[in-house]
């Protein structure tokens, strides 16, 4: 996949880019699915039954989480 900001990421691509891992597996799709179902993941669009994430939207989401964590720590 190219590195353009408007790429739509599959669950596997999203998890790989965020370094999500569990013991015995390279990525935790179970965690990502749970986050998506519970509304804890970044906004996504569904293409058929499968969620897809815009990389730029995911980056904004993670930056906001980091900012909030830093504010709480201060």
C-alpha atoms as a PDB file:
ATOM      1  CA  UNK A   1       0.000   0.000   0.000  1.00  0.00           C
ATOM      2  CA  UNK A   2       1.216   3.487  -0.710  1.00  0.00           C
ATOM      3  CA  UNK A   3       1.796   5.981   2.081  1.00  0.00           C
ATOM      4  CA  UNK A   4      -0.762   8.599   1.006  1.00  0.00           C
ATOM      5  CA  UNK A   5      -2.843  10.179   3.780  1.00  0.00           C
ATOM      6  CA  UNK A   6      -6.103   9.337   2.055  1.00  0.00           C
ATOM      7  CA  UNK A   7      -5.450   5.567   1.980  1.00  0.00           C
ATOM      8  CA  UNK A   8      -8.118   3.455   3.603  1.00  0.00           C
ATOM      9  CA  UNK A   9      -6.584   0.909   5.950  1.00  0.00           C
ATOM     10  CA  UNK A  10      -7.938  -2.577   6.583  1.00  0.00           C
ATOM     11  CA  UNK A  11      -8.043  -3.934  10.148  1.00  0.00           C
ATOM     12  CA  UNK A  12      -4.719  -5.678   9.622  1.00  0.00           C
ATOM     13  CA  UNK A  13      -3.031  -2.602   8.132  1.00  0.00           C
ATOM     14  CA  UNK A  14      -4.400  -0.364  10.891  1.00  0.00           C
ATOM     15  CA  UNK A  15      -3.226  -2.704  13.647  1.00  0.00           C
ATOM     16  CA  UNK A  16       0.213  -3.109  12.060  1.00  0.00           C
ATOM     17  CA  UNK A  17       0.741   0.658  11.758  1.00  0.00           C
ATOM     18  CA  UNK A  18      -0.240   1.158  15.408  1.00  0.00           C
ATOM     19  CA  UNK A  19       1.965  -1.727  16.537  1.00  0.00           C
ATOM     20  CA  UNK A  20      -0.882  -3.604  18.195  1.00  0.00           C
ATOM     21  CA  UNK A  21       0.370  -6.984  19.391  1.00  0.00           C
ATOM     22  CA  UNK A  22      -0.505  -9.859  21.678  1.00  0.00           C
ATOM     23  CA  UNK A  23       1.555 -12.833  22.779  1.00  0.00           C
ATOM     24  CA  UNK A  24       1.678 -15.398  20.015  1.00  0.00           C
ATOM     25  CA  UNK A  25       0.215 -13.164  17.312  1.00  0.00           C
ATOM     26  CA  UNK A  26       1.729 -10.403  15.235  1.00  0.00           C
ATOM     27  CA  UNK A  27      -1.332  -8.145  15.668  1.00  0.00           C
ATOM     28  CA  UNK A  28      -4.451  -8.087  17.811  1.00  0.00           C
ATOM     29  CA  UNK A  29      -7.414  -7.942  15.483  1.00  0.00           C
ATOM     30  CA  UNK A  30      -9.618  -9.063  18.372  1.00  0.00           C
ATOM     31  CA  UNK A  31      -8.751  -5.895  20.304  1.00  0.00           C
ATOM     32  CA  UNK A  32      -9.323  -3.695  17.270  1.00  0.00           C
ATOM     33  CA  UNK A  33     -12.695  -5.324  16.556  1.00  0.00           C
ATOM     34  CA  UNK A  34     -13.714  -4.813  20.191  1.00  0.00           C
ATOM     35  CA  UNK A  35     -12.631  -1.146  20.116  1.00  0.00           C
ATOM     36  CA  UNK A  36     -14.598  -0.605  16.923  1.00  0.00           C
ATOM     37  CA  UNK A  37     -17.747  -2.243  18.285  1.00  0.00           C
ATOM     38  CA  UNK A  38     -17.540  -0.302  21.561  1.00  0.00           C
ATOM     39  CA  UNK A  39     -16.759   3.041  19.907  1.00  0.00           C
ATOM     40  CA  UNK A  40     -13.200   3.310  21.263  1.00  0.00           C
ATOM     41  CA  UNK A  41     -11.454   3.100  17.865  1.00  0.00           C
ATOM     42  CA  UNK A  42     -11.007   6.026  15.508  1.00  0.00           C
ATOM     43  CA  UNK A  43     -13.921   6.792  13.197  1.00  0.00           C
ATOM     44  CA  UNK A  44     -14.164   4.307  10.360  1.00  0.00           C
ATOM     45  CA  UNK A  45     -16.291   3.610   7.314  1.00  0.00           C
ATOM     46  CA  UNK A  46     -17.665   0.211   6.462  1.00  0.00           C
ATOM     47  CA  UNK A  47     -17.169  -1.225   3.020  1.00  0.00           C
ATOM     48  CA  UNK A  48     -19.435  -4.220   3.073  1.00  0.00           C
ATOM     49  CA  UNK A  49     -18.972  -5.802   6.502  1.00  0.00           C
ATOM     50  CA  UNK A  50     -15.425  -4.578   6.909  1.00  0.00           C
ATOM     51  CA  UNK A  51     -14.298  -1.379   8.654  1.00  0.00           C
ATOM     52  CA  UNK A  52     -11.742   0.815   6.930  1.00  0.00           C
ATOM     53  CA  UNK A  53      -9.805   3.699   8.468  1.00  0.00           C
ATOM     54  CA  UNK A  54      -8.414   6.807   6.849  1.00  0.00           C
ATOM     55  CA  UNK A  55      -4.789   7.062   7.947  1.00  0.00           C
ATOM     56  CA  UNK A  56      -5.046  10.830   8.385  1.00  0.00           C
ATOM     57  CA  UNK A  57      -8.165  10.424  10.572  1.00  0.00           C
ATOM     58  CA  UNK A  58      -6.436   7.731  12.614  1.00  0.00           C
ATOM     59  CA  UNK A  59      -3.412   9.992  13.111  1.00  0.00           C
ATOM     60  CA  UNK A  60      -5.623  12.856  14.347  1.00  0.00           C
ATOM     61  CA  UNK A  61      -7.389  10.421  16.700  1.00  0.00           C
ATOM     62  CA  UNK A  62      -4.142   9.165  18.230  1.00  0.00           C
ATOM     63  CA  UNK A  63      -2.731  12.702  18.510  1.00  0.00           C
ATOM     64  CA  UNK A  64      -5.851  13.760  20.431  1.00  0.00           C
ATOM     65  CA  UNK A  65      -5.483  10.791  22.797  1.00  0.00           C
ATOM     66  CA  UNK A  66      -1.820  11.657  23.396  1.00  0.00           C
ATOM     67  CA  UNK A  67      -2.717  15.307  24.041  1.00  0.00           C
ATOM     68  CA  UNK A  68      -5.387  14.318  26.590  1.00  0.00           C
ATOM     69  CA  UNK A  69      -2.991  11.915  28.349  1.00  0.00           C
ATOM     70  CA  UNK A  70      -0.353  14.657  28.564  1.00  0.00           C
ATOM     71  CA  UNK A  71      -2.910  17.106  30.017  1.00  0.00           C
ATOM     72  CA  UNK A  72      -3.953  14.581  32.652  1.00  0.00           C
ATOM     73  CA  UNK A  73      -0.326  13.923  33.579  1.00  0.00           C
ATOM     74  CA  UNK A  74       0.445  17.642  33.977  1.00  0.00           C
END
